Amino acid sequence: AFVNGTQKNAANENQGSCKVFSFAQLNHLNQLDTLALFAEHYHAVRDNPAGTDHQNIRQFIHNGWQGIHFEGQALRPKATMDDINHKMAQTYAAGGSEFTEIERVEDPQPTENQPGAVPTPNPPSDELVENTQNLTDASDVKDADGSIDTHA
């Protein structure tokens, strides 16, 4: 739950807005950068200042960070920047890169019946081979009517 100016949000209401404000607060974003996180919703409010929709955005425009009060913590960082920098320093010292963790993860190969499986191609039929022999090379010179110029 959180309060945003005169807008009171219960724990099960406006969870998306709560997460956006929490993320912005954790990352010390200013008012304009925070509003930018709301993307098209902020643009809708900006384009219709007399509207009544998107009250959390409207309240934040009027009250800024002074109007935001959380009852708890909506988001928690998984690690501090110091933790991340320390881990990356160890990775670089061991000759790795920022992609080392990604490279270690092996994608499971899908079986033929799973989504994303690459089907085994069928061998070309005689009819297909015959039809492809009738195709022309794109570099062949063509007459105005589209036929191949055999004199070129």
Protein backbone atom coordinates (compact mmCIF):
# COMPACT_ATOMS: atom_id res chain seq x y z
CA ALA A 1 0.00 0.00 0.00
CA PHE A 2 1.11 3.54 -0.62
CA VAL A 3 -0.14 7.11 -0.52
CA ASN A 4 0.46 9.52 -3.36
CA GLY A 5 -0.80 12.98 -2.48
CA THR A 6 -4.55 12.60 -1.97
CA GLN A 7 -4.56 9.23 -3.78
CA LYS A 8 -4.64 6.37 -1.28
CA ASN A 9 -3.74 2.97 -2.78
CA ALA A 10 -4.52 -0.28 -0.96
CA ALA A 11 -2.03 -3.14 -1.15
CA ASN A 12 -4.01 -4.77 -3.97
CA GLU A 13 -4.51 -1.57 -5.99
CA ASN A 14 -2.26 0.10 -8.55
CA GLN A 15 0.59 -2.33 -7.97
CA GLY A 16 2.24 -1.29 -11.25
CA SER A 17 2.42 2.35 -10.15
CA CYS A 18 3.72 1.26 -6.76
CA LYS A 19 6.55 -0.70 -8.41
CA VAL A 20 7.41 2.17 -10.74
CA PHE A 21 7.60 4.65 -7.85
CA SER A 22 9.56 2.18 -5.73
CA PHE A 23 12.04 1.52 -8.56
CA ALA A 24 12.46 5.24 -9.15
CA GLN A 25 13.00 5.90 -5.46
CA LEU A 26 15.57 3.09 -5.12
CA ASN A 27 17.46 4.54 -8.09
CA HIS A 28 17.19 8.15 -6.89
CA LEU A 29 15.36 9.33 -10.00
CA ASN A 30 14.05 12.87 -10.13
CA GLN A 31 10.41 13.72 -10.82
CA LEU A 32 10.74 14.03 -14.62
CA ASP A 33 12.73 10.82 -15.00
CA THR A 34 10.16 9.03 -12.85
CA LEU A 35 7.29 10.34 -14.98
CA ALA A 36 9.12 9.13 -18.10
CA LEU A 37 8.91 5.57 -16.71
CA PHE A 38 5.14 5.76 -17.09
CA ALA A 39 5.64 6.17 -20.88
CA GLU A 40 2.37 6.44 -22.81
CA HIS A 41 0.35 6.79 -19.59
CA TYR A 42 2.28 9.96 -18.70
CA HIS A 43 1.81 11.25 -22.25
CA ALA A 44 -1.95 10.65 -21.96
CA VAL A 45 -2.04 12.71 -18.76
CA ARG A 46 0.14 15.43 -20.24
CA ASP A 47 -2.06 15.61 -23.34
CA ASN A 48 -5.25 15.82 -21.25
CA PRO A 49 -4.45 17.90 -18.15
CA ALA A 50 -8.14 18.25 -17.19
CA GLY A 51 -8.73 14.48 -17.22
CA THR A 52 -9.36 12.31 -14.19
CA ASP A 53 -7.60 9.11 -15.30
CA HIS A 54 -4.19 7.98 -14.04
CA GLN A 55 -4.56 9.64 -10.64
CA ASN A 56 -1.19 8.41 -9.37
CA ILE A 57 0.57 10.16 -12.23
CA ARG A 58 -1.52 13.31 -11.78
CA GLN A 59 -0.84 13.39 -8.02
CA PHE A 60 2.88 12.87 -8.59
CA ILE A 61 2.95 15.76 -11.06
CA HIS A 62 1.43 18.04 -8.40
CA ASN A 63 3.15 16.72 -5.27
CA GLY A 64 6.41 15.15 -6.45
CA TRP A 65 8.34 12.91 -4.08
CA GLN A 66 6.96 14.79 -1.07
CA GLY A 67 3.57 13.16 -1.72
CA ILE A 68 4.82 9.55 -1.94
CA HIS A 69 4.67 7.44 1.23
CA PHE A 70 5.04 3.64 1.18
CA GLU A 71 3.68 1.41 3.96
CA GLY A 72 6.32 -1.20 3.17
CA GLN A 73 8.95 -1.90 0.58
CA ALA A 74 7.48 -2.78 -2.83
CA LEU A 75 10.85 -3.68 -4.39
CA ARG A 76 14.15 -4.76 -2.94
CA PRO A 77 17.44 -4.80 -4.82
CA LYS A 78 18.85 -8.31 -5.30
CA ALA A 79 22.35 -6.96 -4.78
CA THR A 80 24.07 -3.68 -4.12
CA MET A 81 26.23 -2.04 -6.75
CA ASP A 82 29.25 -2.85 -4.56
CA ASP A 83 28.28 -6.55 -4.67
CA ILE A 84 27.92 -6.44 -8.46
CA ASN A 85 31.20 -4.56 -8.94
CA HIS A 86 33.04 -7.01 -6.66
CA LYS A 87 31.69 -10.03 -8.55
CA MET A 88 32.60 -8.48 -11.92
CA ALA A 89 36.12 -7.66 -10.69
CA GLN A 90 36.55 -11.33 -9.75
CA THR A 91 35.20 -12.43 -13.13
CA TYR A 92 37.57 -10.10 -15.03
CA ALA A 93 40.54 -11.16 -12.87
CA ALA A 94 39.81 -14.78 -13.81
CA GLY A 95 39.91 -13.85 -17.51
CA GLY A 96 36.15 -13.73 -17.98
CA SER A 97 33.86 -11.04 -19.32
CA GLU A 98 30.41 -9.69 -18.58
CA PHE A 99 29.12 -12.50 -20.79
CA THR A 100 30.80 -15.32 -18.85
CA GLU A 101 27.67 -16.23 -16.90
CA ILE A 102 25.59 -16.25 -20.08
CA GLU A 103 28.12 -18.45 -21.88
CA ARG A 104 28.00 -21.05 -19.09
CA VAL A 105 24.28 -21.57 -19.43
CA GLU A 106 23.63 -24.16 -22.08
CA ASP A 107 20.31 -24.00 -23.85
CA PRO A 108 18.59 -27.36 -23.80
CA GLN A 109 18.15 -28.70 -27.30
CA PRO A 110 14.45 -29.06 -28.10
CA THR A 111 13.13 -32.41 -29.18
CA GLU A 112 11.21 -32.56 -32.44
CA ASN A 113 7.81 -32.29 -30.74
CA GLN A 114 8.67 -29.28 -28.57
CA PRO A 115 7.92 -25.68 -29.59
CA GLY A 116 10.99 -24.17 -31.19
CA ALA A 117 12.25 -27.49 -32.49
CA VAL A 118 13.84 -27.36 -35.91
CA PRO A 119 12.25 -29.99 -38.12
CA THR A 120 14.48 -32.29 -40.12
CA PRO A 121 14.11 -31.25 -43.75
CA ASN A 122 12.72 -33.78 -46.20
CA PRO A 123 14.92 -34.65 -49.17
CA PRO A 124 13.89 -32.72 -52.30
CA SER A 125 11.41 -34.51 -54.50
CA ASP A 126 12.09 -35.11 -58.21
CA GLU A 127 9.32 -32.62 -59.03
CA LEU A 128 10.99 -29.91 -56.93
CA VAL A 129 14.37 -30.54 -58.56
CA GLU A 130 12.76 -30.31 -62.00
CA ASN A 131 10.99 -27.04 -61.10
CA THR A 132 14.13 -25.42 -59.73
CA GLN A 133 15.98 -26.22 -62.95
CA ASN A 134 13.43 -24.07 -64.80
CA LEU A 135 14.22 -21.02 -62.67
CA THR A 136 16.33 -18.23 -64.07
CA ASP A 137 19.23 -16.51 -62.45
CA ALA A 138 18.34 -13.07 -61.08
CA SER A 139 21.30 -11.64 -62.97
CA ASP A 140 19.87 -12.71 -66.35
CA VAL A 141 19.10 -9.71 -68.56
CA LYS A 142 15.39 -9.34 -69.17
CA ASP A 143 13.51 -7.70 -72.03
CA ALA A 144 10.87 -5.05 -71.38
CA ASP A 145 8.18 -7.77 -71.33
CA GLY A 146 10.03 -9.67 -68.55
CA SER A 147 11.33 -12.47 -70.76
CA ILE A 148 15.02 -13.37 -70.69
CA ASP A 149 17.08 -11.68 -73.37
CA THR A 150 18.97 -14.58 -74.95
CA HIS A 151 21.01 -12.20 -77.11
CA ALA A 152 22.68 -10.40 -74.20
